[in-house]
Amino acid sequence: MPISPTHRTGVLMLAAGMLLAIAASASSAQEISQSEKILFQSNHFGSIKQSTRIAYAYHQESAAPDAFDDAVTLTVTHPNADGTASVAAQFLTGSHAIAIAPIDHAQGNPAILGFLERDIAEMKRLTGGSTNYFRKRIRLALAAPEAAIKTITVNYAGHPVAAQEISVRPYVDDPLKERFGKFAGKGYVFVISDAVPGSVFQVYTTLPADHSAATIATTMTIQQKEPAPKKIAGPAT
């Protein structure tokens, strides 16, 4: 399903909205939630000491023609002493691609925001709801102190590693949830591990067991890391 130019730049708006919500919490009596700290205020690239490429497999499960497999690639360069790094992201390809501008001093992993923006675009297409409304519901769910966080073990590069799993269901208590049908029970799960380059092991959506074939579920899972390729000079002219 092609994404419109509005949604191609929307990931930057989502990032700004997330950060503004966190800033608002910090300036008010409401504390920043642990989920927000883990997803947006941690140095996800702090363990990277050299130029690195991080690849994710992206799978969208649905009835044809909406099902597809694609890839997300981050090129991480110039690791800084403060745990940030320069990051360029290629989030999906072809008609599915979402543009994410390069970040000079990235703290959080932009693949999280790309995943959410792609999902929000699909929610808008399937339900007719507002993009900003879906963004707001996700922000509120992550800011809520009752957002579920648990410690789990995942397998990365053939070894078990510790991870934190954050689970939210933004629409289950939504006053307008009847408009969303079976999407009202939709959840988002973020699996974060310091042992994984870029800290994001997996992000996926969950759906009620009786969801229909028209409902879309997506998963983004880390595949590998490898040195970023050196730039090859073009032919002499």
Protein backbone atom coordinates (compact mmCIF):
# COMPACT_ATOMS: atom_id res chain seq x y z
CA MET A 1 0.00 0.00 0.00
CA PRO A 2 1.73 3.26 -1.06
CA ILE A 3 2.25 5.91 1.59
CA SER A 4 1.41 9.52 0.74
CA PRO A 5 4.01 12.32 0.89
CA THR A 6 2.29 13.55 4.06
CA HIS A 7 2.99 10.24 5.77
CA ARG A 8 6.53 10.16 4.39
CA THR A 9 7.39 13.25 6.44
CA GLY A 10 5.01 12.46 9.26
CA VAL A 11 7.59 10.46 11.19
CA LEU A 12 9.37 13.72 11.96
CA MET A 13 6.11 15.16 13.30
CA LEU A 14 5.57 12.06 15.42
CA ALA A 15 9.07 12.38 16.86
CA ALA A 16 8.47 16.03 17.66
CA GLY A 17 5.13 15.18 19.24
CA MET A 18 6.65 12.45 21.40
CA LEU A 19 9.45 14.73 22.56
CA LEU A 20 7.06 17.62 23.25
CA ALA A 21 4.89 15.34 25.35
CA ILE A 22 7.93 14.22 27.35
CA ALA A 23 9.05 17.82 27.78
CA ALA A 24 5.57 18.81 28.96
CA SER A 25 5.64 16.02 31.53
CA ALA A 26 9.05 17.14 32.75
CA SER A 27 7.87 20.73 33.19
CA SER A 28 4.70 19.76 35.07
CA ALA A 29 3.97 17.74 38.18
CA GLN A 30 3.72 14.58 36.08
CA GLU A 31 6.94 12.60 36.01
CA ILE A 32 8.32 11.17 32.81
CA SER A 33 7.22 7.55 32.68
CA GLN A 34 9.72 4.71 32.71
CA SER A 35 8.46 3.64 29.28
CA GLU A 36 9.24 7.09 27.85
CA LYS A 37 12.71 7.03 29.38
CA ILE A 38 13.49 3.62 27.92
CA LEU A 39 12.15 4.39 24.43
CA PHE A 40 13.08 8.05 23.95
CA GLN A 41 15.57 9.22 26.57
CA SER A 42 18.09 6.37 26.64
CA ASN A 43 21.28 6.31 24.59
CA HIS A 44 20.34 3.48 22.24
CA PHE A 45 23.63 3.77 20.35
CA GLY A 46 25.90 4.02 23.41
CA SER A 47 27.45 0.55 22.92
CA ILE A 48 28.48 1.24 19.31
CA LYS A 49 32.14 2.21 18.97
CA GLN A 50 32.63 2.08 15.20
CA SER A 51 30.63 2.64 12.04
CA THR A 52 27.93 -0.01 11.96
CA ARG A 53 24.98 -1.06 9.84
CA ILE A 54 21.95 -2.42 11.68
CA ALA A 55 19.33 -4.33 9.69
CA TYR A 56 15.75 -5.21 10.64
CA ALA A 57 13.30 -7.54 8.93
CA TYR A 58 9.85 -5.98 8.53
CA HIS A 59 6.83 -8.25 8.09
CA GLN A 60 3.25 -7.11 7.54
CA GLU A 61 0.69 -9.87 7.92
CA SER A 62 -2.69 -9.42 6.30
CA ALA A 63 -4.84 -10.59 3.44
CA ALA A 64 -3.45 -9.92 -0.03
CA PRO A 65 -2.48 -7.44 -1.35
CA ASP A 66 -1.58 -5.77 1.98
CA ALA A 67 0.83 -8.45 3.22
CA PHE A 68 4.51 -7.86 2.44
CA ASP A 69 8.08 -8.32 3.66
CA ASP A 70 10.67 -5.55 3.54
CA ALA A 71 13.72 -4.23 5.37
CA VAL A 72 14.77 -1.37 7.63
CA THR A 73 18.43 -0.33 7.65
CA LEU A 74 20.27 2.06 9.96
CA THR A 75 23.78 3.28 9.15
CA VAL A 76 25.44 4.45 12.36
CA THR A 77 28.58 6.59 12.12
CA HIS A 78 30.61 8.98 14.30
CA PRO A 79 29.83 7.47 17.73
CA ASN A 80 30.18 10.22 20.34
CA ALA A 81 31.50 10.09 23.88
CA ASP A 82 28.07 11.08 25.21
CA GLY A 83 26.48 7.93 23.75
CA THR A 84 24.90 9.60 20.72
CA ALA A 85 25.82 8.95 17.08
CA SER A 86 25.10 10.06 13.54
CA VAL A 87 22.31 7.87 12.14
CA ALA A 88 20.90 7.58 8.63
CA ALA A 89 17.78 5.42 8.26
CA GLN A 90 16.25 3.64 5.28
CA PHE A 91 12.79 2.68 6.52
CA LEU A 92 11.35 0.21 4.02
CA THR A 93 11.72 0.52 0.26
CA GLY A 94 9.79 1.47 -2.86
CA SER A 95 6.18 2.50 -2.35
CA HIS A 96 6.31 1.44 1.31
CA ALA A 97 9.23 3.75 2.19
CA ILE A 98 8.97 6.43 4.87
CA ALA A 99 11.54 9.23 4.72
CA ILE A 100 13.51 9.86 7.92
CA ALA A 101 16.03 12.70 7.84
CA PRO A 102 19.60 11.86 8.98
CA ILE A 103 20.25 12.69 12.64
CA ASP A 104 23.65 14.05 13.71
CA HIS A 105 23.37 13.33 17.45
CA ALA A 106 20.78 10.56 17.73
CA GLN A 107 19.88 9.39 21.22
CA GLY A 108 16.82 7.22 20.65
CA ASN A 109 16.58 4.75 17.77
CA PRO A 110 14.55 6.31 14.89
CA ALA A 111 13.36 2.85 13.80
CA ILE A 112 10.84 3.00 16.67
CA LEU A 113 9.28 6.17 15.30
CA GLY A 114 9.33 4.85 11.74
CA PHE A 115 7.47 1.73 12.85
CA LEU A 116 4.82 3.76 14.67
CA GLU A 117 4.34 6.18 11.80
CA ARG A 118 3.90 3.38 9.29
CA ASP A 119 1.37 1.71 11.59
CA ILE A 120 -0.50 4.99 12.13
CA ALA A 121 -0.75 5.45 8.36
CA GLU A 122 -2.36 2.03 8.08
CA MET A 123 -4.73 2.73 10.97
CA LYS A 124 -5.86 5.92 9.25
CA ARG A 125 -6.38 4.07 5.96
CA LEU A 126 -8.34 1.22 7.50
CA THR A 127 -10.49 3.16 9.98
CA GLY A 128 -10.69 6.70 8.60
CA GLY A 129 -9.41 8.05 11.93
CA SER A 130 -7.15 11.07 12.34
CA THR A 131 -3.37 10.68 12.17
CA ASN A 132 -2.92 13.15 15.03
CA TYR A 133 -5.52 11.29 17.10
CA PHE A 134 -3.65 8.00 16.80
CA ARG A 135 -0.37 9.70 17.66
CA LYS A 136 -1.96 11.23 20.75
CA ARG A 137 -3.37 7.91 21.95
CA ILE A 138 0.04 6.22 21.62
CA ARG A 139 1.76 9.09 23.46
CA LEU A 140 -0.77 8.92 26.29
CA ALA A 141 -0.43 5.14 26.58
CA LEU A 142 3.36 5.33 26.84
CA ALA A 143 3.15 8.20 29.35
CA ALA A 144 0.74 6.30 31.61
CA PRO A 145 2.38 4.86 34.75
CA GLU A 146 0.48 1.60 34.27
CA ALA A 147 2.24 0.81 30.97
CA ALA A 148 3.44 -2.77 31.39
CA ILE A 149 7.22 -3.28 31.61
CA LYS A 150 8.78 -6.65 32.32
CA THR A 151 12.22 -8.21 32.08
CA ILE A 152 12.54 -11.02 29.55
CA THR A 153 15.28 -12.98 27.77
CA VAL A 154 15.69 -12.93 23.99
CA ASN A 155 18.13 -14.67 21.66
CA TYR A 156 20.55 -12.43 19.78
CA ALA A 157 23.51 -13.69 17.71
CA GLY A 158 23.06 -17.16 19.17
CA HIS A 159 23.13 -16.04 22.80
CA PRO A 160 20.43 -15.32 25.38
CA VAL A 161 20.44 -11.64 26.43
CA ALA A 162 18.36 -9.67 28.91
CA ALA A 163 15.73 -7.30 27.54
CA GLN A 164 12.88 -5.07 28.67
CA GLU A 165 9.45 -5.59 27.14
CA ILE A 166 7.07 -2.60 27.11
CA SER A 167 3.42 -3.30 26.25
CA VAL A 168 0.63 -0.76 25.72
CA ARG A 169 -2.91 -0.86 24.36
CA PRO A 170 -3.74 2.75 23.40
CA TYR A 171 -7.35 2.21 22.34
CA VAL A 172 -8.80 -0.23 24.86
CA ASP A 173 -10.09 2.58 27.12
CA ASP A 174 -10.59 5.08 24.32
CA PRO A 175 -14.02 6.80 24.45
CA LEU A 176 -14.16 6.48 20.66
CA LYS A 177 -13.03 2.86 20.52
CA GLU A 178 -16.29 1.66 18.96
CA ARG A 179 -15.24 3.48 15.77
CA PHE A 180 -12.21 1.23 15.47
CA GLY A 181 -13.97 -2.13 15.65
CA LYS A 182 -11.57 -4.96 16.37
CA PHE A 183 -8.67 -2.52 16.35
CA ALA A 184 -9.88 -1.31 19.76
CA GLY A 185 -7.96 -4.16 21.38
CA LYS A 186 -4.79 -3.54 19.40
CA GLY A 187 -1.52 -3.43 21.33
CA TYR A 188 2.09 -2.38 20.73
CA VAL A 189 5.09 -4.23 22.16
CA PHE A 190 8.64 -2.83 22.27
CA VAL A 191 11.55 -5.14 23.14
CA ILE A 192 14.65 -3.18 24.16
CA SER A 193 18.07 -4.60 25.10
CA ASP A 194 21.40 -2.90 25.83
CA ALA A 195 23.07 -6.03 24.46
CA VAL A 196 21.73 -5.32 20.97
CA PRO A 197 23.27 -2.64 18.70
CA GLY A 198 20.81 0.23 18.52
CA SER A 199 19.02 -1.28 21.57
CA VAL A 200 15.88 -2.19 19.60
CA PHE A 201 15.49 -5.96 19.35
CA GLN A 202 11.89 -6.04 18.16
CA VAL A 203 8.72 -3.97 17.82
CA TYR A 204 5.38 -5.57 16.97
CA THR A 205 1.64 -5.14 17.17
CA THR A 206 -0.80 -7.49 18.86
CA LEU A 207 -4.42 -8.11 17.94
CA PRO A 208 -7.41 -9.91 19.47
CA ALA A 209 -7.45 -13.65 18.78
CA ASP A 210 -10.60 -13.31 16.64
CA HIS A 211 -9.27 -10.56 14.38
CA SER A 212 -10.38 -10.72 10.76
CA ALA A 213 -8.22 -11.20 7.70
CA ALA A 214 -8.67 -7.51 6.92
CA THR A 215 -6.78 -6.59 10.11
CA ILE A 216 -3.07 -5.89 9.77
CA ALA A 217 -0.34 -7.06 12.14
CA THR A 218 3.29 -5.97 11.79
CA THR A 219 6.64 -7.03 13.21
CA MET A 220 10.11 -5.47 12.97
CA THR A 221 12.99 -7.65 14.23
CA ILE A 222 16.74 -7.02 14.28
CA GLN A 223 18.72 -9.24 11.93
CA GLN A 224 22.40 -8.40 12.14
CA LYS A 225 25.04 -5.75 12.47
CA GLU A 226 28.01 -5.25 10.21
CA PRO A 227 30.55 -2.49 9.48
CA ALA A 228 29.17 0.29 7.30
CA PRO A 229 30.60 0.06 3.77
CA LYS A 230 33.25 2.55 2.80
CA LYS A 231 32.20 5.14 0.27
CA ILE A 232 33.44 4.20 -3.16
CA ALA A 233 34.61 7.03 -5.37
CA GLY A 234 32.86 7.38 -8.71
CA PRO A 235 34.66 7.01 -12.04
CA ALA A 236 37.04 9.76 -13.04
CA THR A 237 35.65 12.26 -15.51
